[in-house]
Amino acid sequence: IINSASGKSEAVWQGKFWKVVGAESILKNASVVTAGIWFNINSKDTEYQDLLAISVGGNEKTTTASRLGLRIENESIVGIVRAKDEDKGINIYSEPTKIKLGEWNHAVITVNYAENAVKIFLNGEFLELKSQPTFTQPYASNTDSLLIALGSEDDGNSGYVKGNLKEVMVWRRILKDKEIKELYLSSKRVVK
């Protein structure tokens, strides 16, 4: 699911969401990161649905440091990003976009902590964002990720996805726009 320093990770079903184990160092000290996920939602009758949530620091119940996530909220794809709790602009909203129910979509977020820059893509296309974050440090925290969830908030208590997820990928580099488009087109044939 996620390539990590330990080499292999897996997702363990928790009843309503997937908890990822074996990728604890994925954000540790990262200055840049890219995350992507395929999703097929069948309902938008909740306030939001978290596709991917990675939290660094804290404990099994709270997040006290870095965070990286992708969420569907109303008609927007939302990037949830911070290097530390003090960061401003944790939720970065895309301009409204049409996410078709019952169809596979591909979302990607790139984060550059040093340059205070976030990009979000849907189906290979860059989405205009309403704001950019202000990070308080040029890298993610120097601790392991204790909470990594697919299909819910990082703690698994809310934001459940109503649908399916596939092909979760995280890189410790920024994928170029062209690479993101190629990734979407090449994996589009396999995701059904």
N, C-alpha and C. Protein backbone atom coordinates (compact mmCIF):
# COMPACT_ATOMS: atom_id res chain seq x y z
N ILE A 1 0.83 -1.19 0.00
CA ILE A 1 0.00 0.00 0.00
C ILE A 1 0.86 1.24 0.00
N ILE A 2 1.73 1.37 1.00
CA ILE A 2 2.60 2.54 1.09
C ILE A 2 4.03 2.04 1.19
N ASN A 3 4.90 2.54 0.32
CA ASN A 3 6.30 2.18 0.43
C ASN A 3 6.91 2.97 1.58
N SER A 4 7.63 2.30 2.43
CA SER A 4 8.22 2.96 3.58
C SER A 4 9.65 2.49 3.79
N ALA A 5 10.31 3.10 4.77
CA ALA A 5 11.69 2.72 5.06
C ALA A 5 11.79 1.26 5.48
N SER A 6 10.73 0.76 6.12
CA SER A 6 10.75 -0.64 6.55
C SER A 6 10.52 -1.60 5.39
N GLY A 7 10.14 -1.05 4.23
CA GLY A 7 9.99 -1.87 3.05
C GLY A 7 8.57 -2.28 2.73
N LYS A 8 7.79 -2.70 3.71
CA LYS A 8 6.45 -3.20 3.43
C LYS A 8 5.46 -2.67 4.45
N SER A 9 4.29 -2.37 3.98
CA SER A 9 3.22 -1.97 4.88
C SER A 9 1.96 -2.71 4.48
N GLU A 10 1.00 -2.71 5.37
CA GLU A 10 -0.26 -3.36 5.07
C GLU A 10 -1.39 -2.61 5.74
N ALA A 11 -2.58 -2.79 5.23
CA ALA A 11 -3.76 -2.18 5.82
C ALA A 11 -4.55 -3.25 6.56
N VAL A 12 -4.97 -2.91 7.77
CA VAL A 12 -5.71 -3.84 8.60
C VAL A 12 -7.12 -3.27 8.81
N TRP A 13 -8.15 -4.04 8.47
CA TRP A 13 -9.53 -3.60 8.57
C TRP A 13 -9.91 -3.43 10.04
N GLN A 14 -10.49 -2.27 10.37
CA GLN A 14 -10.85 -1.95 11.75
C GLN A 14 -12.37 -1.89 11.95
N GLY A 15 -13.14 -2.41 11.03
CA GLY A 15 -14.60 -2.41 11.15
C GLY A 15 -15.27 -1.33 10.32
N LYS A 16 -14.70 -0.11 10.29
CA LYS A 16 -15.25 0.99 9.50
C LYS A 16 -14.20 1.66 8.63
N PHE A 17 -12.92 1.37 8.87
CA PHE A 17 -11.84 2.00 8.12
C PHE A 17 -10.64 1.07 8.13
N TRP A 18 -9.60 1.44 7.37
CA TRP A 18 -8.36 0.66 7.30
C TRP A 18 -7.27 1.40 8.07
N LYS A 19 -6.58 0.70 8.96
CA LYS A 19 -5.42 1.25 9.66
C LYS A 19 -4.18 0.69 8.98
N VAL A 20 -3.26 1.58 8.61
CA VAL A 20 -2.04 1.16 7.92
C VAL A 20 -0.94 0.93 8.96
N VAL A 21 -0.28 -0.21 8.86
CA VAL A 21 0.84 -0.52 9.75
C VAL A 21 2.07 -0.80 8.89
N GLY A 22 3.24 -0.49 9.41
CA GLY A 22 4.49 -0.74 8.69
C GLY A 22 4.98 0.43 7.88
N ALA A 23 4.35 1.59 8.01
CA ALA A 23 4.79 2.77 7.26
C ALA A 23 4.99 3.96 8.19
N GLU A 24 5.37 3.68 9.41
CA GLU A 24 5.42 4.70 10.44
C GLU A 24 6.36 5.86 10.13
N SER A 25 7.40 5.64 9.35
CA SER A 25 8.37 6.71 9.10
C SER A 25 8.10 7.47 7.81
N ILE A 26 6.95 7.29 7.21
CA ILE A 26 6.66 7.87 5.89
C ILE A 26 6.74 9.40 5.87
N LEU A 27 6.35 10.10 6.94
CA LEU A 27 6.44 11.56 6.97
C LEU A 27 7.59 12.09 7.80
N LYS A 28 8.25 11.24 8.55
CA LYS A 28 9.28 11.66 9.49
C LYS A 28 10.35 12.51 8.80
N ASN A 29 10.49 13.76 9.23
CA ASN A 29 11.47 14.71 8.69
C ASN A 29 11.31 15.01 7.20
N ALA A 30 10.21 14.67 6.60
CA ALA A 30 10.02 14.91 5.16
C ALA A 30 9.91 16.41 4.89
N SER A 31 10.65 16.90 3.89
CA SER A 31 10.52 18.30 3.49
C SER A 31 9.53 18.43 2.34
N VAL A 32 9.34 17.32 1.61
CA VAL A 32 8.35 17.28 0.52
C VAL A 32 7.68 15.91 0.56
N VAL A 33 6.45 15.87 0.08
CA VAL A 33 5.72 14.60 0.03
C VAL A 33 4.61 14.69 -1.01
N THR A 34 4.31 13.56 -1.64
CA THR A 34 3.19 13.43 -2.56
C THR A 34 2.39 12.21 -2.12
N ALA A 35 1.07 12.33 -2.11
CA ALA A 35 0.20 11.20 -1.79
C ALA A 35 -0.92 11.14 -2.83
N GLY A 36 -1.26 9.92 -3.22
CA GLY A 36 -2.33 9.73 -4.20
C GLY A 36 -3.22 8.56 -3.81
N ILE A 37 -4.47 8.60 -4.25
CA ILE A 37 -5.42 7.53 -3.93
C ILE A 37 -6.54 7.52 -4.97
N TRP A 38 -6.98 6.33 -5.31
CA TRP A 38 -8.17 6.16 -6.15
C TRP A 38 -9.38 5.99 -5.22
N PHE A 39 -10.50 6.63 -5.55
CA PHE A 39 -11.70 6.50 -4.74
C PHE A 39 -12.95 6.45 -5.62
N ASN A 40 -13.95 5.73 -5.12
CA ASN A 40 -15.24 5.60 -5.80
C ASN A 40 -16.30 5.73 -4.70
N ILE A 41 -16.85 6.91 -4.54
CA ILE A 41 -17.84 7.11 -3.48
C ILE A 41 -19.24 6.97 -4.05
N ASN A 42 -20.14 6.46 -3.21
CA ASN A 42 -21.52 6.25 -3.68
C ASN A 42 -22.52 7.15 -2.98
N SER A 43 -22.05 8.03 -2.08
CA SER A 43 -22.95 8.94 -1.38
C SER A 43 -22.17 10.14 -0.87
N LYS A 44 -22.82 11.30 -0.87
CA LYS A 44 -22.22 12.50 -0.28
C LYS A 44 -23.15 13.04 0.81
N ASP A 45 -23.81 12.14 1.53
CA ASP A 45 -24.80 12.58 2.53
C ASP A 45 -24.19 12.84 3.91
N THR A 46 -22.86 12.90 4.00
CA THR A 46 -22.20 13.26 5.24
C THR A 46 -21.42 14.55 5.03
N GLU A 47 -21.05 15.20 6.12
CA GLU A 47 -20.34 16.48 6.03
C GLU A 47 -19.03 16.35 5.26
N TYR A 48 -18.27 15.28 5.53
CA TYR A 48 -17.01 15.06 4.84
C TYR A 48 -16.66 13.57 4.88
N GLN A 49 -15.76 13.18 3.96
CA GLN A 49 -15.26 11.81 3.91
C GLN A 49 -13.74 11.88 3.74
N ASP A 50 -13.01 11.30 4.70
CA ASP A 50 -11.55 11.30 4.64
C ASP A 50 -11.07 10.11 3.83
N LEU A 51 -10.33 10.39 2.76
CA LEU A 51 -9.77 9.33 1.92
C LEU A 51 -8.51 8.78 2.55
N LEU A 52 -7.65 9.66 3.04
CA LEU A 52 -6.34 9.30 3.57
C LEU A 52 -6.00 10.26 4.69
N ALA A 53 -5.50 9.74 5.81
CA ALA A 53 -5.09 10.59 6.94
C ALA A 53 -3.83 10.01 7.57
N ILE A 54 -2.76 10.81 7.57
CA ILE A 54 -1.50 10.40 8.19
C ILE A 54 -1.15 11.46 9.24
N SER A 55 -0.94 11.05 10.47
CA SER A 55 -0.58 11.97 11.54
C SER A 55 0.73 11.56 12.17
N VAL A 56 1.57 12.54 12.42
CA VAL A 56 2.87 12.31 13.03
C VAL A 56 2.84 12.88 14.44
N GLY A 57 3.42 12.15 15.39
CA GLY A 57 3.44 12.62 16.77
C GLY A 57 2.15 12.29 17.47
N GLY A 58 1.99 12.83 18.65
CA GLY A 58 0.77 12.58 19.39
C GLY A 58 0.76 11.17 19.96
N ASN A 59 -0.43 10.62 20.07
CA ASN A 59 -0.57 9.26 20.56
C ASN A 59 -1.71 8.60 19.80
N GLU A 60 -2.22 7.52 20.28
CA GLU A 60 -3.28 6.81 19.56
C GLU A 60 -4.59 7.57 19.52
N LYS A 61 -4.71 8.69 20.25
CA LYS A 61 -5.97 9.42 20.29
C LYS A 61 -5.88 10.83 19.71
N THR A 62 -4.72 11.46 19.74
CA THR A 62 -4.63 12.84 19.28
C THR A 62 -3.45 13.04 18.36
N THR A 63 -3.54 14.10 17.56
CA THR A 63 -2.46 14.49 16.67
C THR A 63 -1.82 15.73 17.26
N THR A 64 -0.52 15.72 17.47
CA THR A 64 0.11 16.91 18.04
C THR A 64 1.19 17.49 17.15
N ALA A 65 1.37 16.95 15.99
CA ALA A 65 2.42 17.49 15.14
C ALA A 65 1.98 17.48 13.68
N SER A 66 2.77 16.89 12.80
CA SER A 66 2.51 16.95 11.36
C SER A 66 1.28 16.15 10.96
N ARG A 67 0.69 16.57 9.84
CA ARG A 67 -0.48 15.88 9.33
C ARG A 67 -0.52 16.00 7.82
N LEU A 68 -0.98 14.94 7.16
CA LEU A 68 -1.18 14.94 5.72
C LEU A 68 -2.45 14.15 5.45
N GLY A 69 -3.35 14.72 4.69
CA GLY A 69 -4.57 14.00 4.38
C GLY A 69 -5.27 14.53 3.15
N LEU A 70 -6.20 13.73 2.64
CA LEU A 70 -7.08 14.11 1.54
C LEU A 70 -8.51 13.82 1.97
N ARG A 71 -9.39 14.77 1.72
CA ARG A 71 -10.78 14.68 2.15
C ARG A 71 -11.70 15.18 1.05
N ILE A 72 -12.90 14.62 1.00
CA ILE A 72 -13.96 15.15 0.14
C ILE A 72 -14.92 15.88 1.06
N GLU A 73 -15.17 17.15 0.76
CA GLU A 73 -16.09 17.95 1.57
C GLU A 73 -16.93 18.79 0.61
N ASN A 74 -18.23 18.55 0.63
CA ASN A 74 -19.15 19.18 -0.33
C ASN A 74 -18.65 18.89 -1.75
N GLU A 75 -18.36 19.91 -2.52
CA GLU A 75 -17.89 19.72 -3.89
C GLU A 75 -16.40 19.98 -4.03
N SER A 76 -15.66 19.94 -2.92
CA SER A 76 -14.23 20.24 -2.95
C SER A 76 -13.40 19.03 -2.53
N ILE A 77 -12.18 18.99 -3.05
CA ILE A 77 -11.16 18.08 -2.52
C ILE A 77 -10.36 18.95 -1.54
N VAL A 78 -10.14 18.45 -0.35
CA VAL A 78 -9.47 19.23 0.68
C VAL A 78 -8.16 18.55 1.05
N GLY A 79 -7.09 19.32 1.05
CA GLY A 79 -5.82 18.84 1.55
C GLY A 79 -5.70 19.25 3.00
N ILE A 80 -5.38 18.31 3.85
CA ILE A 80 -5.21 18.60 5.27
C ILE A 80 -3.73 18.48 5.56
N VAL A 81 -3.08 19.62 5.81
CA VAL A 81 -1.62 19.65 5.90
C VAL A 81 -1.16 20.53 7.05
N ARG A 82 -0.11 20.07 7.72
CA ARG A 82 0.60 20.93 8.67
C ARG A 82 1.93 20.28 8.99
N ALA A 83 2.91 21.12 9.35
CA ALA A 83 4.21 20.64 9.81
C ALA A 83 4.21 20.55 11.33
N LYS A 84 3.49 21.48 11.98
CA LYS A 84 3.34 21.50 13.44
C LYS A 84 1.93 22.00 13.77
N ASP A 85 1.50 21.80 15.00
CA ASP A 85 0.17 22.26 15.42
C ASP A 85 -0.04 23.75 15.21
N GLU A 86 1.02 24.54 15.33
CA GLU A 86 0.89 26.00 15.24
C GLU A 86 0.64 26.49 13.82
N ASP A 87 0.75 25.63 12.83
CA ASP A 87 0.61 26.05 11.44
C ASP A 87 -0.78 26.61 11.16
N LYS A 88 -0.80 27.63 10.30
CA LYS A 88 -2.05 28.24 9.87
C LYS A 88 -2.48 27.58 8.56
N GLY A 89 -3.76 27.56 8.30
CA GLY A 89 -4.25 27.06 7.02
C GLY A 89 -4.17 25.56 6.88
N ILE A 90 -4.56 24.84 7.93
CA ILE A 90 -4.46 23.38 7.88
C ILE A 90 -5.34 22.77 6.79
N ASN A 91 -6.53 23.30 6.55
CA ASN A 91 -7.43 22.76 5.52
C ASN A 91 -7.33 23.62 4.26
N ILE A 92 -6.80 23.04 3.21
CA ILE A 92 -6.61 23.74 1.94
C ILE A 92 -7.68 23.24 0.97
N TYR A 93 -8.64 24.09 0.64
CA TYR A 93 -9.78 23.71 -0.20
C TYR A 93 -9.51 23.98 -1.67
N SER A 94 -9.92 23.02 -2.51
CA SER A 94 -9.90 23.27 -3.94
C SER A 94 -11.16 24.07 -4.28
N GLU A 95 -11.14 24.70 -5.42
CA GLU A 95 -12.37 25.30 -5.92
C GLU A 95 -13.36 24.15 -6.14
N PRO A 96 -14.66 24.41 -6.04
CA PRO A 96 -15.64 23.32 -6.23
C PRO A 96 -15.41 22.58 -7.54
N THR A 97 -15.54 21.27 -7.47
CA THR A 97 -15.36 20.42 -8.64
C THR A 97 -16.42 19.33 -8.60
N LYS A 98 -16.80 18.81 -9.71
CA LYS A 98 -17.81 17.76 -9.76
C LYS A 98 -17.17 16.39 -9.61
N ILE A 99 -17.49 15.76 -8.51
CA ILE A 99 -17.05 14.39 -8.27
C ILE A 99 -18.26 13.51 -8.54
N LYS A 100 -18.14 12.68 -9.55
CA LYS A 100 -19.29 11.85 -9.94
C LYS A 100 -19.41 10.65 -9.02
N LEU A 101 -20.59 10.46 -8.49
CA LEU A 101 -20.86 9.31 -7.63
C LEU A 101 -20.82 8.03 -8.45
N GLY A 102 -20.30 6.96 -7.85
CA GLY A 102 -20.28 5.66 -8.51
C GLY A 102 -19.23 5.51 -9.59
N GLU A 103 -18.30 6.45 -9.68
CA GLU A 103 -17.22 6.36 -10.67
C GLU A 103 -15.88 6.49 -9.97
N TRP A 104 -14.85 5.84 -10.53
CA TRP A 104 -13.52 5.91 -9.96
C TRP A 104 -12.88 7.26 -10.28
N ASN A 105 -12.30 7.89 -9.25
CA ASN A 105 -11.59 9.17 -9.37
C ASN A 105 -10.22 9.00 -8.74
N HIS A 106 -9.28 9.81 -9.19
CA HIS A 106 -7.91 9.75 -8.67
C HIS A 106 -7.55 11.12 -8.09
N ALA A 107 -7.22 11.16 -6.79
CA ALA A 107 -6.83 12.40 -6.13
C ALA A 107 -5.36 12.32 -5.72
N VAL A 108 -4.64 13.43 -5.90
CA VAL A 108 -3.23 13.52 -5.53
C VAL A 108 -3.00 14.86 -4.84
N ILE A 109 -2.18 14.83 -3.79
CA ILE A 109 -1.76 16.06 -3.12
C ILE A 109 -0.24 16.08 -3.08
N THR A 110 0.35 17.25 -3.36
CA THR A 110 1.78 17.45 -3.18
C THR A 110 1.98 18.54 -2.14
N VAL A 111 2.96 18.33 -1.26
CA VAL A 111 3.24 19.30 -0.19
C VAL A 111 4.72 19.59 -0.17
N ASN A 112 5.06 20.88 -0.21
CA ASN A 112 6.44 21.33 -0.06
C ASN A 112 6.47 22.23 1.18
N TYR A 113 6.94 21.66 2.29
CA TYR A 113 6.94 22.39 3.57
C TYR A 113 7.83 23.63 3.52
N ALA A 114 8.99 23.53 2.87
CA ALA A 114 9.94 24.65 2.84
C ALA A 114 9.39 25.83 2.04
N GLU A 115 8.59 25.56 1.02
CA GLU A 115 8.06 26.63 0.16
C GLU A 115 6.61 26.99 0.46
N ASN A 116 6.04 26.44 1.54
CA ASN A 116 4.63 26.72 1.88
C ASN A 116 3.72 26.49 0.67
N ALA A 117 3.90 25.36 0.01
CA ALA A 117 3.19 25.11 -1.23
C ALA A 117 2.46 23.77 -1.20
N VAL A 118 1.20 23.82 -1.62
CA VAL A 118 0.37 22.62 -1.75
C VAL A 118 -0.29 22.65 -3.12
N LYS A 119 -0.35 21.48 -3.76
CA LYS A 119 -1.11 21.33 -5.00
C LYS A 119 -2.03 20.13 -4.84
N ILE A 120 -3.22 20.22 -5.41
CA ILE A 120 -4.17 19.12 -5.40
C ILE A 120 -4.60 18.86 -6.84
N PHE A 121 -4.68 17.57 -7.18
CA PHE A 121 -5.06 17.15 -8.53
C PHE A 121 -6.24 16.19 -8.43
N LEU A 122 -7.14 16.27 -9.39
CA LEU A 122 -8.24 15.31 -9.53
C LEU A 122 -8.21 14.78 -10.94
N ASN A 123 -8.09 13.47 -11.07
CA ASN A 123 -8.04 12.80 -12.37
C ASN A 123 -6.98 13.42 -13.29
N GLY A 124 -5.81 13.67 -12.71
CA GLY A 124 -4.68 14.16 -13.48
C GLY A 124 -4.66 15.65 -13.74
N GLU A 125 -5.70 16.36 -13.33
CA GLU A 125 -5.80 17.80 -13.60
C GLU A 125 -5.62 18.60 -12.31
N PHE A 126 -4.79 19.65 -12.39
CA PHE A 126 -4.56 20.53 -11.25
C PHE A 126 -5.85 21.27 -10.90
N LEU A 127 -6.17 21.33 -9.62
CA LEU A 127 -7.33 22.08 -9.15
C LEU A 127 -6.88 23.40 -8.54
N GLU A 128 -7.56 24.47 -8.89
CA GLU A 128 -7.27 25.77 -8.28
C GLU A 128 -7.60 25.68 -6.79
N LEU A 129 -6.76 26.28 -5.96
CA LEU A 129 -6.94 26.23 -4.52
C LEU A 129 -7.36 27.59 -3.99
N LYS A 130 -8.12 27.58 -2.93
CA LYS A 130 -8.61 28.83 -2.33
C LYS A 130 -7.56 29.50 -1.45
N SER A 131 -6.55 28.75 -1.00
CA SER A 131 -5.51 29.32 -0.13
C SER A 131 -4.28 28.43 -0.17
N GLN A 132 -3.24 28.88 0.51
CA GLN A 132 -2.02 28.10 0.71
C GLN A 132 -1.69 28.14 2.20
N PRO A 133 -1.00 27.12 2.71
CA PRO A 133 -0.68 27.09 4.13
C PRO A 133 0.51 27.99 4.47
N THR A 134 0.72 28.21 5.75
CA THR A 134 1.92 28.84 6.25
C THR A 134 2.51 27.88 7.27
N PHE A 135 3.56 27.18 6.87
CA PHE A 135 4.19 26.20 7.75
C PHE A 135 5.18 26.88 8.68
N THR A 136 5.28 26.39 9.90
CA THR A 136 6.19 26.97 10.89
C THR A 136 7.58 26.34 10.85
N GLN A 137 7.74 25.29 10.08
CA GLN A 137 9.07 24.68 9.89
C GLN A 137 9.09 24.07 8.49
N PRO A 138 10.29 23.92 7.89
CA PRO A 138 10.40 23.47 6.50
C PRO A 138 10.38 21.95 6.32
N TYR A 139 9.85 21.22 7.29
CA TYR A 139 9.81 19.76 7.21
C TYR A 139 8.78 19.24 8.21
N ALA A 140 8.36 18.01 8.02
CA ALA A 140 7.46 17.37 8.97
C ALA A 140 8.23 17.03 10.24
N SER A 141 7.52 16.73 11.28
CA SER A 141 8.14 16.45 12.58
C SER A 141 9.09 15.24 12.54
N ASN A 142 9.98 15.20 13.51
CA ASN A 142 10.98 14.14 13.61
C ASN A 142 10.47 12.99 14.48
N THR A 143 9.25 12.56 14.25
CA THR A 143 8.70 11.43 14.98
C THR A 143 7.95 10.53 14.01
N ASP A 144 7.73 9.31 14.41
CA ASP A 144 7.01 8.36 13.56
C ASP A 144 5.52 8.72 13.47
N SER A 145 4.90 8.26 12.40
CA SER A 145 3.46 8.42 12.23
C SER A 145 2.76 7.35 13.06
N LEU A 146 2.01 7.78 14.06
CA LEU A 146 1.33 6.82 14.91
C LEU A 146 -0.06 6.49 14.39
N LEU A 147 -0.62 7.38 13.58
CA LEU A 147 -1.97 7.17 13.08
C LEU A 147 -1.98 7.31 11.56
N ILE A 148 -2.23 6.22 10.87
CA ILE A 148 -2.36 6.24 9.41
C ILE A 148 -3.65 5.50 9.10
N ALA A 149 -4.61 6.22 8.52
CA ALA A 149 -5.92 5.61 8.24
C ALA A 149 -6.33 5.85 6.80
N LEU A 150 -7.03 4.89 6.25
CA LEU A 150 -7.63 5.00 4.92
C LEU A 150 -9.14 4.91 5.12
N GLY A 151 -9.86 5.90 4.62
CA GLY A 151 -11.31 5.85 4.70
C GLY A 151 -11.90 6.42 5.97
N SER A 152 -11.09 7.17 6.74
CA SER A 152 -11.60 7.83 7.95
C SER A 152 -10.60 8.88 8.42
N GLU A 153 -11.00 9.64 9.46
CA GLU A 153 -10.07 10.52 10.15
C GLU A 153 -8.92 9.67 10.67
N ASP A 154 -7.81 10.29 11.03
CA ASP A 154 -6.63 9.54 11.48
C ASP A 154 -6.91 8.66 12.69
N ASP A 155 -7.82 9.08 13.58
CA ASP A 155 -8.11 8.28 14.77
C ASP A 155 -9.20 7.24 14.54
N GLY A 156 -9.78 7.22 13.34
CA GLY A 156 -10.80 6.23 13.02
C GLY A 156 -12.18 6.49 13.60
N ASN A 157 -12.40 7.70 14.13
CA ASN A 157 -13.67 7.99 14.79
C ASN A 157 -14.69 8.75 13.95
N SER A 158 -14.31 9.23 12.78
CA SER A 158 -15.26 10.00 11.95
C SER A 158 -14.73 10.10 10.53
N GLY A 159 -15.51 10.75 9.66
CA GLY A 159 -15.09 10.97 8.28
C GLY A 159 -15.04 9.72 7.43
N TYR A 160 -15.90 8.75 7.73
CA TYR A 160 -15.86 7.47 7.01
C TYR A 160 -16.24 7.63 5.54
N VAL A 161 -15.51 6.93 4.68
CA VAL A 161 -15.80 6.94 3.25
C VAL A 161 -16.96 6.00 2.97
N LYS A 162 -17.90 6.48 2.17
CA LYS A 162 -19.01 5.65 1.72
C LYS A 162 -18.70 5.25 0.29
N GLY A 163 -17.95 4.17 0.15
CA GLY A 163 -17.54 3.72 -1.16
C GLY A 163 -16.27 2.88 -1.06
N ASN A 164 -15.44 2.95 -2.09
CA ASN A 164 -14.25 2.10 -2.18
C ASN A 164 -13.00 2.93 -2.41
N LEU A 165 -11.87 2.39 -1.95
CA LEU A 165 -10.56 3.01 -2.13
C LEU A 165 -9.61 1.99 -2.74
N LYS A 166 -8.67 2.47 -3.57
CA LYS A 166 -7.67 1.59 -4.18
C LYS A 166 -6.39 2.36 -4.41
N GLU A 167 -5.31 1.62 -4.62
CA GLU A 167 -4.05 2.18 -5.10
C GLU A 167 -3.58 3.41 -4.32
N VAL A 168 -3.33 3.24 -3.04
CA VAL A 168 -2.81 4.32 -2.21
C VAL A 168 -1.30 4.37 -2.40
N MET A 169 -0.77 5.57 -2.65
CA MET A 169 0.67 5.71 -2.85
C MET A 169 1.16 6.98 -2.16
N VAL A 170 2.33 6.89 -1.53
CA VAL A 170 2.95 8.04 -0.89
C VAL A 170 4.43 8.06 -1.29
N TRP A 171 4.90 9.23 -1.72
CA TRP A 171 6.30 9.41 -2.10
C TRP A 171 6.91 10.50 -1.23
N ARG A 172 8.18 10.39 -0.95
CA ARG A 172 8.90 11.44 -0.23
C ARG A 172 9.60 12.35 -1.25
N ARG A 173 8.87 12.73 -2.25
CA ARG A 173 9.32 13.69 -3.26
C ARG A 173 8.08 14.31 -3.89
N ILE A 174 8.27 15.40 -4.59
CA ILE A 174 7.17 16.04 -5.30
C ILE A 174 7.10 15.45 -6.70
N LEU A 175 5.98 14.84 -7.03
CA LEU A 175 5.79 14.41 -8.41
C LEU A 175 5.48 15.64 -9.26
N LYS A 176 6.04 15.66 -10.45
CA LYS A 176 5.76 16.76 -11.37
C LYS A 176 4.34 16.61 -11.91
N ASP A 177 3.77 17.72 -12.37
CA ASP A 177 2.41 17.70 -12.92
C ASP A 177 2.28 16.65 -14.01
N LYS A 178 3.29 16.55 -14.88
CA LYS A 178 3.26 15.59 -15.97
C LYS A 178 3.26 14.15 -15.43
N GLU A 179 4.04 13.89 -14.39
CA GLU A 179 4.08 12.56 -13.77
C GLU A 179 2.72 12.19 -13.18
N ILE A 180 2.06 13.16 -12.58
CA ILE A 180 0.74 12.91 -11.98
C ILE A 180 -0.28 12.58 -13.07
N LYS A 181 -0.22 13.30 -14.17
CA LYS A 181 -1.11 13.03 -15.30
C LYS A 181 -0.83 11.63 -15.86
N GLU A 182 0.44 11.28 -16.03
CA GLU A 182 0.82 9.95 -16.54
C GLU A 182 0.41 8.85 -15.58
N LEU A 183 0.55 9.10 -14.28
CA LEU A 183 0.14 8.12 -13.27
C LEU A 183 -1.37 7.87 -13.37
N TYR A 184 -2.14 8.94 -13.50
CA TYR A 184 -3.59 8.81 -13.64
C TYR A 184 -3.93 8.01 -14.89
N LEU A 185 -3.35 8.37 -16.03
CA LEU A 185 -3.69 7.69 -17.28
C LEU A 185 -3.25 6.23 -17.28
N SER A 186 -2.07 5.94 -16.73
CA SER A 186 -1.59 4.57 -16.76
C SER A 186 -2.36 3.67 -15.77
N SER A 187 -2.72 4.18 -14.61
CA SER A 187 -3.42 3.34 -13.65
C SER A 187 -4.93 3.34 -13.89
N LYS A 188 -5.42 4.27 -14.68
CA LYS A 188 -6.86 4.32 -15.00
C LYS A 188 -7.33 3.03 -15.67
N ARG A 189 -6.44 2.42 -16.46
CA ARG A 189 -6.79 1.18 -17.15
C ARG A 189 -6.96 0.00 -16.21
N VAL A 190 -6.25 0.05 -15.07
CA VAL A 190 -6.28 -1.10 -14.14
C VAL A 190 -7.35 -0.95 -13.06
N VAL A 191 -7.69 0.27 -12.71
CA VAL A 191 -8.66 0.50 -11.64
C VAL A 191 -10.06 0.46 -12.23
N LYS A 192 -10.82 -0.54 -11.80
CA LYS A 192 -12.20 -0.68 -12.27
C LYS A 192 -13.07 -1.21 -11.18
